[in-house]
Amino acid sequence: MKKQLVILLVCLMPLTHLFARKDDTIGDDVFGQTFFTIRPEYQTPFPEKTSLVRDRTLARCEGIEGSLEVVLFGGLSAKSSDLMKYFAPFPKTQLIVDSLPPEGGQTDIDRDINPVHFGIHYTANGQFDGAPARYRTTMQIRPKRSVFGLGITYKQYIGKCDNPCKKWFMELSGPILYVRNKVHLTEFDTIVSGFPVEGSAATLAQAFTGAIPIFTTPTNEDTPMLYGKINDASNNGMRNVGFDVEIKFGADTVMTDCFSFNGYFGLHVPGSRRPNGEYLFEAIAGFNQHFGFLLGGATSVTMWQECDRSLTWEIESTSHYFVHNVQTRSFDLKYRAWSRYMLVRDQNGVIVPGINVFTRSMKVSPRFSFDVNTGIVYNIDGKFQGEVGYNLYALQGERVRLIDRFPTGLATVGFNNATLYPDPNFITRKSDIGDNNQNIPAPGQPGALPNETIEEDNLNLLSAAHPGALSNLVYFSMGYQWDTLKFPLAAALGASYEISGKNTALTRWLIWGKICMSV
């Protein structure tokens, strides 16, 4: 019994380190993040994988002591407002986009985003030299994730039963996932005076697709937005098919009529693509292509038994450690949320979209995750079963760093006070994406100040890292067993709902149907 407790304690150890880090989010919702990590479905010990089939491997008395489980599942995310706040520059569910204040001046504008940074320019006659006109809209995004998958698990016992019945086993499992993400960018309460300048985007939704270059001035060599785009119609960025595989080895160290315990270790082998930063909330059918190790154990205790009925408590805990890899991610400047979307003056004095500059190759280290699943199983005559349970999932905050040095000589662009267009002769000092930009002469211009360009210390790399997350899940499953067949079968249906106290974990529901055959 002491050995089993040691294994469970080892599985719990990552929790203490998870919440000891100061840079992991604790308390209110976060905002201004560029990437959202989602734990993939059908992983150990999630209920869609483990519920009601834990003891099916030995159901065939004269078989080879193996079992094959097939699970069909699907689900949707909920509470899109949480994801809106997660990605937004401010903790809001709506953002004001405005090119001109109500009275035509350039101070104290009630707005969150200046559309000039997205190449949106309106004038009275649609010409570049025309009088500035107004484009005002309210922007909202409602990110949603849908998933459909097929989970497969094969478990096989190895060798003969030792005394006191210590049986070794191997398990191979994994889901084939189809993931579809949508951001649902909408604009409403739109006010437009004049016409869009030729070559500029007419709306924010159009600008975010990256289909047209970000217009700045007629003389600038405009370039399109390459990263951080929003385009729900994209097949490459917003849809993905993939799979992650788990390989486990373990042993049933205790097996009695009323109590059992097993421990295992294994590998998490990625089969999905890794993030490339092209789209906001890109679809990833797996755990971001991270290779990992896992360690866990499961306990079953019969709490009550009378005639043909019984009540069993099932608990399983698993710790994962994921190895770092290199991904393409975007980030902001410190204290300037969404500065990645601001216009930037490069080393040659050319104005470029900031997202193309603030998206780079990064080393991403997810570190530890911990999951514990516990359920109460009601059994009638060894045939009908019902299970209700709870799952706790904890994910450590990512650590990220740049692979290469950040280039020097870059600066966010200032505006010409007369025309309101970006002017490469000016840079900004502390302005954010909603300001009209405090103009300072650029390096080489009269009145220029030293050290006004972007340095590596100004980068907020944490905006590219998914913060620590904690989620709670409740589930229900019911099924039936046919143990008198030549190859015993079990079938079950189930549903789960996952929720978090803040917006660093996905709120979602999932339904599944499964069948398990003993061989």
Protein backbone atom coordinates (compact mmCIF):
# COMPACT_ATOMS: atom_id res chain seq x y z
CA MET A 1 0.00 0.00 0.00
CA LYS A 2 2.88 2.39 0.71
CA LYS A 3 4.17 1.91 -2.82
CA GLN A 4 0.82 2.94 -4.29
CA LEU A 5 0.73 6.10 -2.16
CA VAL A 6 4.24 7.03 -3.30
CA ILE A 7 3.19 6.81 -6.96
CA LEU A 8 0.11 8.98 -6.35
CA LEU A 9 2.20 11.58 -4.50
CA VAL A 10 4.67 11.73 -7.38
CA CYS A 11 1.75 12.41 -9.71
CA LEU A 12 0.59 15.26 -7.46
CA MET A 13 4.00 16.95 -7.15
CA PRO A 14 3.69 19.13 -10.28
CA LEU A 15 0.69 20.92 -8.74
CA THR A 16 2.85 22.56 -6.09
CA HIS A 17 5.25 23.92 -8.69
CA LEU A 18 2.38 24.92 -10.97
CA PHE A 19 0.95 27.48 -8.58
CA ALA A 20 4.24 28.60 -7.04
CA ARG A 21 5.27 30.64 -10.12
CA LYS A 22 4.46 34.33 -9.87
CA ASP A 23 4.09 34.84 -13.62
CA ASP A 24 1.23 32.37 -13.87
CA THR A 25 -2.12 34.13 -13.84
CA ILE A 26 -4.02 34.07 -10.57
CA GLY A 27 -7.24 35.99 -10.01
CA ASP A 28 -8.91 38.03 -12.78
CA ASP A 29 -9.27 37.13 -16.45
CA VAL A 30 -6.28 37.83 -18.67
CA PHE A 31 -6.33 39.89 -21.86
CA GLY A 32 -4.06 40.82 -24.74
CA GLN A 33 -2.78 37.27 -25.31
CA THR A 34 -1.87 36.04 -28.79
CA PHE A 35 -2.15 32.25 -28.44
CA PHE A 36 -4.58 29.91 -26.70
CA THR A 37 -3.54 26.34 -25.83
CA ILE A 38 -6.32 23.75 -25.68
CA ARG A 39 -5.89 20.29 -24.23
CA PRO A 40 -6.97 17.80 -26.89
CA GLU A 41 -9.82 15.38 -26.26
CA TYR A 42 -9.49 11.66 -25.52
CA GLN A 43 -6.31 11.78 -23.44
CA THR A 44 -5.55 9.90 -20.22
CA PRO A 45 -7.52 10.10 -17.90
CA PHE A 46 -10.36 12.06 -19.54
CA PRO A 47 -13.82 10.53 -18.97
CA GLU A 48 -14.61 10.04 -22.67
CA LYS A 49 -11.69 7.60 -22.67
CA THR A 50 -11.82 5.87 -19.28
CA SER A 51 -15.43 5.83 -18.07
CA LEU A 52 -17.18 2.45 -17.79
CA VAL A 53 -14.50 0.35 -19.56
CA ARG A 54 -11.75 0.15 -16.94
CA ASP A 55 -12.06 -3.60 -16.29
CA ARG A 56 -13.00 -4.90 -19.74
CA THR A 57 -9.57 -6.29 -20.67
CA LEU A 58 -10.07 -9.42 -18.54
CA ALA A 59 -13.76 -9.95 -19.38
CA ARG A 60 -13.04 -12.88 -21.73
CA CYS A 61 -11.91 -15.79 -19.56
CA GLU A 62 -10.26 -17.83 -22.31
CA GLY A 63 -9.05 -14.98 -24.46
CA ILE A 64 -5.69 -13.31 -24.97
CA GLU A 65 -6.40 -10.76 -22.20
CA GLY A 66 -6.82 -7.77 -24.46
CA SER A 67 -9.49 -5.17 -25.24
CA LEU A 68 -10.28 -2.78 -28.05
CA GLU A 69 -12.23 0.41 -27.41
CA VAL A 70 -13.68 2.67 -30.11
CA VAL A 71 -15.23 6.01 -29.16
CA LEU A 72 -17.06 8.49 -31.38
CA PHE A 73 -17.31 11.98 -29.88
CA GLY A 74 -18.07 15.59 -30.71
CA GLY A 75 -18.31 18.89 -28.89
CA LEU A 76 -18.47 22.67 -28.97
CA SER A 77 -16.93 25.46 -26.94
CA ALA A 78 -19.09 27.85 -24.91
CA LYS A 79 -18.73 31.33 -23.36
CA SER A 80 -17.13 32.99 -26.38
CA SER A 81 -17.05 36.23 -24.39
CA ASP A 82 -14.23 34.75 -22.29
CA LEU A 83 -12.16 34.13 -25.39
CA MET A 84 -12.97 37.62 -26.68
CA LYS A 85 -11.47 39.13 -23.54
CA TYR A 86 -8.49 36.76 -23.72
CA PHE A 87 -7.50 37.99 -27.19
CA ALA A 88 -8.70 41.62 -26.94
CA PRO A 89 -6.30 44.47 -26.07
CA PHE A 90 -8.51 45.35 -23.10
CA PRO A 91 -10.79 43.18 -20.92
CA LYS A 92 -13.87 44.05 -22.97
CA THR A 93 -16.40 42.18 -25.07
CA GLN A 94 -16.74 45.06 -27.56
CA LEU A 95 -14.12 47.40 -29.02
CA ILE A 96 -14.66 50.89 -30.44
CA VAL A 97 -12.86 51.54 -33.74
CA ASP A 98 -12.79 55.21 -34.80
CA SER A 99 -10.68 57.27 -37.19
CA LEU A 100 -11.92 60.70 -36.09
CA PRO A 101 -13.41 62.07 -32.87
CA PRO A 102 -16.93 63.54 -33.01
CA GLU A 103 -15.63 67.11 -33.17
CA GLY A 104 -12.79 66.52 -35.61
CA GLY A 105 -9.89 67.07 -33.21
CA GLN A 106 -7.23 64.52 -32.41
CA THR A 107 -7.27 64.28 -28.62
CA ASP A 108 -9.40 62.50 -26.05
CA ILE A 109 -10.89 60.13 -28.57
CA ASP A 110 -13.32 57.61 -27.15
CA ARG A 111 -11.94 54.59 -28.97
CA ASP A 112 -9.97 51.40 -28.44
CA ILE A 113 -8.48 51.01 -31.92
CA ASN A 114 -7.25 53.51 -34.48
CA PRO A 115 -8.14 51.92 -37.86
CA VAL A 116 -5.19 53.62 -39.58
CA HIS A 117 -3.01 50.77 -38.27
CA PHE A 118 -5.07 48.38 -40.40
CA GLY A 119 -4.75 50.47 -43.57
CA ILE A 120 -8.27 51.93 -43.32
CA HIS A 121 -8.42 55.51 -44.64
CA TYR A 122 -11.55 57.48 -45.49
CA THR A 123 -11.63 60.90 -47.15
CA ALA A 124 -14.45 63.12 -48.35
CA ASN A 125 -13.84 62.25 -52.02
CA GLY A 126 -12.01 58.92 -51.74
CA GLN A 127 -8.75 60.49 -52.89
CA PHE A 128 -5.53 60.40 -50.91
CA ASP A 129 -5.32 64.21 -50.69
CA GLY A 130 -8.99 64.66 -49.78
CA ALA A 131 -10.26 65.97 -46.46
CA PRO A 132 -10.18 63.27 -43.72
CA ALA A 133 -13.53 61.53 -43.21
CA ARG A 134 -14.81 59.31 -40.44
CA TYR A 135 -14.99 55.54 -40.10
CA ARG A 136 -16.40 54.39 -36.78
CA THR A 137 -17.61 50.92 -35.87
CA THR A 138 -17.99 48.61 -32.91
CA MET A 139 -15.98 45.43 -33.27
CA GLN A 140 -16.70 42.12 -31.61
CA ILE A 141 -15.22 38.67 -31.95
CA ARG A 142 -16.93 35.50 -30.72
CA PRO A 143 -14.35 32.70 -30.98
CA LYS A 144 -15.77 29.19 -31.08
CA ARG A 145 -14.24 25.75 -31.41
CA SER A 146 -15.96 22.61 -32.64
CA VAL A 147 -14.43 19.15 -32.63
CA PHE A 148 -15.34 15.76 -34.01
CA GLY A 149 -13.21 12.71 -33.32
CA LEU A 150 -12.70 8.99 -33.29
CA GLY A 151 -10.81 7.61 -30.28
CA ILE A 152 -9.19 4.16 -30.31
CA THR A 153 -7.55 2.28 -27.42
CA TYR A 154 -6.02 -1.17 -27.38
CA LYS A 155 -4.90 -2.63 -24.05
CA GLN A 156 -3.03 -5.91 -23.72
CA TYR A 157 -1.84 -7.79 -20.64
CA ILE A 158 1.63 -9.29 -20.86
CA GLY A 159 2.89 -12.53 -19.31
CA LYS A 160 1.33 -14.70 -16.67
CA CYS A 161 -0.27 -13.80 -13.39
CA ASP A 162 2.34 -13.71 -10.64
CA ASN A 163 1.67 -14.12 -6.97
CA PRO A 164 0.10 -11.91 -5.57
CA CYS A 165 -1.38 -11.38 -9.01
CA LYS A 166 0.88 -8.66 -10.42
CA LYS A 167 -0.01 -8.31 -14.09
CA TRP A 168 1.87 -6.14 -16.58
CA PHE A 169 0.08 -4.41 -19.43
CA MET A 170 0.67 -2.24 -22.46
CA GLU A 171 -1.77 0.30 -23.86
CA LEU A 172 -1.82 2.19 -27.15
CA SER A 173 -4.40 4.94 -27.58
CA GLY A 174 -5.14 8.11 -29.47
CA PRO A 175 -7.84 10.15 -31.18
CA ILE A 176 -8.20 11.20 -34.78
CA LEU A 177 -9.43 14.77 -34.39
CA TYR A 178 -11.10 17.19 -36.79
CA VAL A 179 -10.98 20.69 -35.29
CA ARG A 180 -12.81 23.72 -36.69
CA ASN A 181 -12.21 27.15 -35.17
CA LYS A 182 -14.14 30.31 -35.98
CA VAL A 183 -13.49 33.82 -34.67
CA HIS A 184 -16.75 35.39 -35.90
CA LEU A 185 -15.57 38.99 -36.31
CA THR A 186 -18.58 41.29 -36.61
CA GLU A 187 -18.98 45.07 -36.92
CA PHE A 188 -22.09 47.01 -35.94
CA ASP A 189 -23.22 50.57 -35.15
CA THR A 190 -21.05 51.62 -38.08
CA ILE A 191 -20.78 55.31 -39.01
CA VAL A 192 -19.12 56.21 -42.32
CA SER A 193 -18.63 59.63 -43.90
CA GLY A 194 -16.86 59.86 -47.24
CA PHE A 195 -15.24 57.04 -49.13
CA PRO A 196 -12.30 54.65 -48.61
CA VAL A 197 -9.10 55.77 -50.31
CA GLU A 198 -8.23 53.68 -53.33
CA GLY A 199 -6.09 50.74 -52.22
CA SER A 200 -7.18 50.82 -48.58
CA ALA A 201 -9.43 48.37 -46.77
CA ALA A 202 -13.07 49.41 -46.43
CA THR A 203 -13.75 47.58 -43.16
CA LEU A 204 -11.82 46.07 -40.29
CA ALA A 205 -13.06 42.60 -41.22
CA GLN A 206 -11.62 43.02 -44.71
CA ALA A 207 -8.29 44.26 -43.35
CA PHE A 208 -7.94 41.29 -40.99
CA THR A 209 -8.15 38.76 -43.84
CA GLY A 210 -4.72 39.85 -45.09
CA ALA A 211 -6.05 39.70 -48.65
CA ILE A 212 -4.95 43.25 -49.47
CA PRO A 213 -1.80 45.17 -48.45
CA ILE A 214 -1.98 47.45 -45.41
CA PHE A 215 -2.32 50.86 -47.07
CA THR A 216 -0.18 53.64 -45.59
CA THR A 217 0.79 56.27 -48.21
CA PRO A 218 0.89 56.23 -52.02
CA THR A 219 4.70 56.34 -51.94
CA ASN A 220 5.19 53.55 -49.41
CA GLU A 221 5.77 49.98 -50.57
CA ASP A 222 2.76 48.49 -48.82
CA THR A 223 2.81 44.86 -47.66
CA PRO A 224 -0.06 42.58 -46.57
CA MET A 225 -0.61 41.27 -43.07
CA LEU A 226 1.08 37.86 -42.92
CA TYR A 227 0.21 36.79 -39.37
CA GLY A 228 -2.51 37.25 -36.76
CA LYS A 229 -5.19 37.23 -39.42
CA ILE A 230 -8.88 36.54 -38.97
CA ASN A 231 -10.47 34.57 -41.79
CA ASP A 232 -13.03 31.94 -40.83
CA ALA A 233 -13.11 30.68 -44.43
CA SER A 234 -9.47 29.55 -44.32
CA ASN A 235 -9.03 25.81 -44.74
CA ASN A 236 -5.38 25.77 -43.66
CA GLY A 237 -5.45 27.85 -40.49
CA MET A 238 -8.94 27.43 -39.08
CA ARG A 239 -9.43 23.72 -39.79
CA ASN A 240 -7.07 20.91 -38.89
CA VAL A 241 -7.00 17.13 -38.76
CA GLY A 242 -4.46 15.37 -36.57
CA PHE A 243 -3.81 12.92 -33.80
CA ASP A 244 -1.63 12.53 -30.71
CA VAL A 245 -0.79 9.02 -29.53
CA GLU A 246 -0.18 7.73 -25.99
CA ILE A 247 1.91 4.63 -25.34
CA LYS A 248 1.70 3.30 -21.79
CA PHE A 249 3.33 0.48 -19.84
CA GLY A 250 2.14 -0.47 -16.37
CA ALA A 251 1.18 -3.13 -13.88
CA ASP A 252 -1.80 -4.07 -11.71
CA THR A 253 0.05 -4.23 -8.39
CA VAL A 254 -3.03 -5.05 -6.28
CA MET A 255 -6.09 -6.99 -7.44
CA THR A 256 -8.69 -8.17 -4.92
CA ASP A 257 -12.48 -8.46 -4.96
CA CYS A 258 -12.96 -5.02 -3.42
CA PHE A 259 -9.76 -3.10 -4.18
CA SER A 260 -7.34 -2.71 -7.08
CA PHE A 261 -4.46 -0.43 -7.97
CA ASN A 262 -2.32 0.02 -11.05
CA GLY A 263 0.53 2.33 -11.93
CA TYR A 264 1.89 3.23 -15.35
CA PHE A 265 4.33 5.38 -17.26
CA GLY A 266 4.40 6.26 -20.92
CA LEU A 267 5.00 8.57 -23.83
CA HIS A 268 2.93 11.24 -25.53
CA VAL A 269 3.79 11.16 -29.25
CA PRO A 270 2.54 14.12 -31.32
CA GLY A 271 0.81 13.63 -34.65
CA SER A 272 -0.59 17.14 -35.13
CA ARG A 273 0.88 20.25 -36.71
CA ARG A 274 2.55 22.96 -34.68
CA PRO A 275 1.31 26.59 -34.55
CA ASN A 276 2.50 28.88 -37.34
CA GLY A 277 0.95 32.17 -36.18
CA GLU A 278 -0.83 32.91 -39.45
CA TYR A 279 -4.28 33.14 -37.88
CA LEU A 280 -5.63 34.29 -34.55
CA PHE A 281 -7.09 31.29 -32.66
CA GLU A 282 -5.71 28.85 -35.22
CA ALA A 283 -6.99 25.29 -35.17
CA ILE A 284 -4.60 22.69 -33.75
CA ALA A 285 -5.74 19.05 -33.56
CA GLY A 286 -3.38 18.07 -30.75
CA PHE A 287 -1.09 19.51 -28.10
CA ASN A 288 0.91 21.87 -30.35
CA GLN A 289 3.19 19.06 -31.58
CA HIS A 290 4.90 18.61 -28.20
CA PHE A 291 6.49 15.29 -27.31
CA GLY A 292 5.84 14.32 -23.69
CA PHE A 293 6.19 11.85 -20.85
CA LEU A 294 3.42 10.70 -18.55
CA LEU A 295 3.19 9.02 -15.15
CA GLY A 296 0.04 7.97 -13.37
CA GLY A 297 -2.00 5.47 -11.43
CA ALA A 298 -5.58 4.32 -10.93
CA THR A 299 -7.44 2.94 -7.91
CA SER A 300 -10.80 1.15 -7.66
CA VAL A 301 -12.58 0.68 -4.32
CA THR A 302 -15.87 -1.17 -3.85
CA MET A 303 -17.71 0.92 -1.27
CA TRP A 304 -20.97 -1.04 -1.12
CA GLN A 305 -22.19 -4.39 -2.44
CA GLU A 306 -25.46 -6.21 -1.92
CA CYS A 307 -26.72 -9.17 -3.95
CA ASP A 308 -26.40 -8.15 -7.60
CA ARG A 309 -25.72 -4.45 -7.01
CA SER A 310 -22.59 -2.53 -6.10
CA LEU A 311 -21.17 0.96 -5.78
CA THR A 312 -17.53 1.55 -6.76
CA TRP A 313 -15.29 4.57 -6.41
CA GLU A 314 -12.84 5.04 -9.29
CA ILE A 315 -9.96 7.51 -9.20
CA GLU A 316 -7.13 8.03 -11.68
CA SER A 317 -4.44 10.71 -11.79
CA THR A 318 -1.87 11.45 -14.49
CA SER A 319 1.00 13.91 -14.75
CA HIS A 320 2.44 14.96 -18.10
CA TYR A 321 5.72 16.67 -18.82
CA PHE A 322 5.93 18.16 -22.30
CA VAL A 323 9.22 18.82 -24.06
CA HIS A 324 9.85 22.21 -25.64
CA ASN A 325 9.74 22.81 -29.38
CA VAL A 326 10.01 25.75 -31.77
CA GLN A 327 6.82 27.52 -32.85
CA THR A 328 5.92 30.72 -34.65
CA ARG A 329 4.11 33.10 -32.31
CA SER A 330 3.25 36.79 -32.05
CA PHE A 331 3.86 39.13 -29.12
CA ASP A 332 3.30 42.74 -28.02
CA LEU A 333 5.42 45.48 -26.56
CA LYS A 334 5.31 45.85 -22.79
CA TYR A 335 2.30 47.79 -21.46
CA ARG A 336 0.97 48.24 -25.04
CA ALA A 337 -1.59 45.53 -25.77
CA TRP A 338 -2.16 44.88 -29.47
CA SER A 339 0.94 46.92 -30.33
CA ARG A 340 1.73 43.97 -32.58
CA TYR A 341 -0.92 45.35 -34.95
CA MET A 342 0.53 48.88 -34.97
CA LEU A 343 2.45 50.14 -37.97
CA VAL A 344 6.22 49.90 -37.71
CA ARG A 345 9.05 51.81 -39.40
CA ASP A 346 11.78 49.37 -40.41
CA GLN A 347 15.53 49.99 -40.65
CA ASN A 348 15.13 51.38 -44.19
CA GLY A 349 12.39 53.84 -43.30
CA VAL A 350 9.65 51.70 -44.88
CA ILE A 351 6.32 51.38 -43.08
CA VAL A 352 5.31 47.73 -42.54
CA PRO A 353 2.53 45.98 -40.58
CA GLY A 354 3.77 45.45 -37.03
CA ILE A 355 2.38 41.91 -36.92
CA ASN A 356 4.96 40.91 -39.54
CA VAL A 357 7.72 42.20 -37.25
CA PHE A 358 6.38 40.98 -33.91
CA THR A 359 5.84 37.39 -35.09
CA ARG A 360 8.94 35.25 -34.81
CA SER A 361 10.26 31.77 -34.08
CA MET A 362 10.13 31.04 -30.36
CA LYS A 363 11.15 28.21 -28.07
CA VAL A 364 7.97 27.15 -26.24
CA SER A 365 8.14 25.05 -23.05
CA PRO A 366 4.73 23.88 -21.74
CA ARG A 367 6.30 21.99 -18.79
CA PHE A 368 3.82 20.14 -16.53
CA SER A 369 0.13 19.33 -16.63
CA PHE A 370 -1.83 17.35 -14.06
CA ASP A 371 -5.19 15.63 -14.38
CA VAL A 372 -7.24 13.71 -11.84
CA ASN A 373 -10.51 11.97 -12.66
CA THR A 374 -12.82 10.50 -10.05
CA GLY A 375 -16.17 8.81 -10.53
CA ILE A 376 -18.82 6.79 -8.72
CA VAL A 377 -20.02 3.72 -10.65
CA TYR A 378 -23.36 2.02 -9.95
CA ASN A 379 -23.54 -1.57 -11.22
CA ILE A 380 -26.66 -3.76 -11.55
CA ASP A 381 -26.21 -7.49 -12.12
CA GLY A 382 -22.90 -6.96 -13.88
CA LYS A 383 -24.79 -5.61 -16.90
CA PHE A 384 -26.12 -2.10 -16.49
CA GLN A 385 -23.73 0.61 -15.28
CA GLY A 386 -24.08 4.28 -14.57
CA GLU A 387 -21.27 6.68 -13.67
CA VAL A 388 -21.11 10.28 -12.48
CA GLY A 389 -17.80 11.98 -11.91
CA TYR A 390 -15.53 14.98 -11.70
CA ASN A 391 -12.26 15.87 -13.44
CA LEU A 392 -9.69 18.46 -12.36
CA TYR A 393 -7.13 19.64 -14.91
CA ALA A 394 -4.17 21.93 -14.21
CA LEU A 395 -1.73 23.27 -16.81
CA GLN A 396 1.47 25.10 -15.98
CA GLY A 397 2.11 28.45 -17.66
CA GLU A 398 4.30 28.26 -20.74
CA ARG A 399 7.81 29.63 -20.90
CA VAL A 400 8.83 31.24 -24.18
CA ARG A 401 11.95 32.89 -25.57
CA LEU A 402 13.11 34.11 -28.97
CA ILE A 403 15.23 31.81 -31.08
CA ASP A 404 17.08 34.72 -32.73
CA ARG A 405 17.91 38.22 -31.55
CA PHE A 406 15.24 40.81 -32.20
CA PRO A 407 16.34 43.18 -35.00
CA THR A 408 17.41 46.70 -34.07
CA GLY A 409 16.37 50.03 -35.55
CA LEU A 410 12.61 49.39 -35.57
CA ALA A 411 10.02 51.78 -34.16
CA THR A 412 6.25 52.21 -34.14
CA VAL A 413 5.23 54.89 -36.64
CA GLY A 414 3.93 58.36 -35.88
CA PHE A 415 1.24 60.21 -37.84
CA ASN A 416 1.27 63.43 -39.83
CA ASN A 417 -0.87 65.81 -37.79
CA ALA A 418 -2.30 67.46 -40.88
CA THR A 419 -3.21 64.47 -43.04
CA LEU A 420 -3.54 61.85 -40.26
CA TYR A 421 -1.52 59.41 -42.41
CA PRO A 422 1.44 57.43 -41.06
CA ASP A 423 4.65 59.36 -41.58
CA PRO A 424 8.01 57.49 -41.61
CA ASN A 425 9.70 60.72 -40.50
CA PHE A 426 8.08 60.32 -37.09
CA ILE A 427 8.02 57.50 -34.58
CA THR A 428 5.98 57.03 -31.40
CA ARG A 429 7.14 56.74 -27.84
CA LYS A 430 4.36 55.39 -25.62
CA SER A 431 1.28 55.36 -27.82
CA ASP A 432 -0.91 52.26 -28.05
CA ILE A 433 -3.18 51.06 -30.82
CA GLY A 434 -6.00 53.38 -29.75
CA ASP A 435 -3.95 56.60 -29.58
CA ASN A 436 -3.25 59.08 -32.33
CA ASN A 437 0.46 58.56 -31.61
CA GLN A 438 2.76 61.04 -29.90
CA ASN A 439 5.13 62.15 -32.64
CA ILE A 440 8.89 62.17 -32.10
CA PRO A 441 11.30 62.78 -34.99
CA ALA A 442 12.66 59.48 -36.28
CA PRO A 443 16.40 58.71 -36.06
CA GLY A 444 18.24 60.88 -38.57
CA GLN A 445 15.54 63.59 -38.50
CA PRO A 446 15.99 67.01 -36.85
CA GLY A 447 15.17 66.88 -33.14
CA ALA A 448 15.49 63.10 -32.90
CA LEU A 449 16.04 61.64 -29.42
CA PRO A 450 18.42 58.77 -28.66
CA ASN A 451 17.21 55.25 -27.83
CA GLU A 452 13.65 55.71 -29.10
CA THR A 453 13.68 52.57 -31.22
CA ILE A 454 12.40 49.20 -30.02
CA GLU A 455 14.86 47.19 -27.95
CA GLU A 456 14.55 43.56 -26.91
CA ASP A 457 13.82 44.65 -23.33
CA ASN A 458 10.67 46.37 -24.60
CA LEU A 459 9.14 43.11 -25.81
CA ASN A 460 6.37 41.47 -23.82
CA LEU A 461 7.14 37.85 -24.64
CA LEU A 462 4.65 36.66 -22.01
CA SER A 463 1.84 37.82 -24.31
CA ALA A 464 2.84 34.92 -26.60
CA ALA A 465 2.71 32.34 -23.78
CA HIS A 466 -0.43 30.61 -22.59
CA PRO A 467 -0.79 31.32 -18.83
CA GLY A 468 -1.35 28.70 -16.16
CA ALA A 469 -4.84 27.20 -16.33
CA LEU A 470 -7.17 25.28 -14.06
CA SER A 471 -10.45 23.72 -15.19
CA ASN A 472 -13.24 21.67 -13.64
CA LEU A 473 -15.29 19.09 -15.49
CA VAL A 474 -18.38 17.11 -14.54
CA TYR A 475 -19.65 14.15 -16.51
CA PHE A 476 -22.28 11.42 -16.67
CA SER A 477 -22.16 8.10 -18.50
CA MET A 478 -24.35 5.00 -18.71
CA GLY A 479 -23.81 1.71 -20.44
CA TYR A 480 -24.56 -1.99 -20.77
CA GLN A 481 -22.35 -5.11 -20.86
CA TRP A 482 -22.81 -8.42 -22.71
CA ASP A 483 -20.37 -10.75 -20.99
CA THR A 484 -21.92 -14.00 -22.25
CA LEU A 485 -20.90 -13.38 -25.86
CA LYS A 486 -17.88 -15.15 -27.33
CA PHE A 487 -16.20 -11.76 -27.48
CA PRO A 488 -17.76 -9.78 -24.59
CA LEU A 489 -18.98 -6.32 -25.48
CA ALA A 490 -19.70 -3.15 -23.55
CA ALA A 491 -21.39 -0.03 -24.92
CA ALA A 492 -21.89 3.36 -23.28
CA LEU A 493 -23.06 6.91 -23.87
CA GLY A 494 -21.82 9.94 -22.00
CA ALA A 495 -21.57 13.71 -21.80
CA SER A 496 -19.32 16.19 -20.03
CA TYR A 497 -19.17 19.93 -19.34
CA GLU A 498 -15.90 21.71 -18.58
CA ILE A 499 -15.63 25.17 -17.03
CA SER A 500 -12.96 27.37 -15.52
CA GLY A 501 -13.00 30.17 -12.97
CA LYS A 502 -11.22 32.45 -15.48
CA ASN A 503 -10.61 32.61 -19.19
CA THR A 504 -7.35 30.67 -19.42
CA ALA A 505 -9.13 27.33 -19.96
CA LEU A 506 -11.77 26.52 -22.54
CA THR A 507 -15.39 26.19 -21.45
CA ARG A 508 -16.91 23.40 -23.53
CA TRP A 509 -19.22 20.42 -23.65
CA LEU A 510 -18.64 17.01 -25.17
CA ILE A 511 -20.82 13.99 -25.94
CA TRP A 512 -19.65 10.50 -26.82
CA GLY A 513 -20.67 6.97 -27.60
CA LYS A 514 -18.33 4.02 -27.16
CA ILE A 515 -18.08 0.30 -27.66
CA CYS A 516 -15.46 -1.99 -26.15
CA MET A 517 -14.72 -5.59 -27.15
CA SER A 518 -12.73 -8.04 -25.04
CA VAL A 519 -10.48 -10.44 -26.97
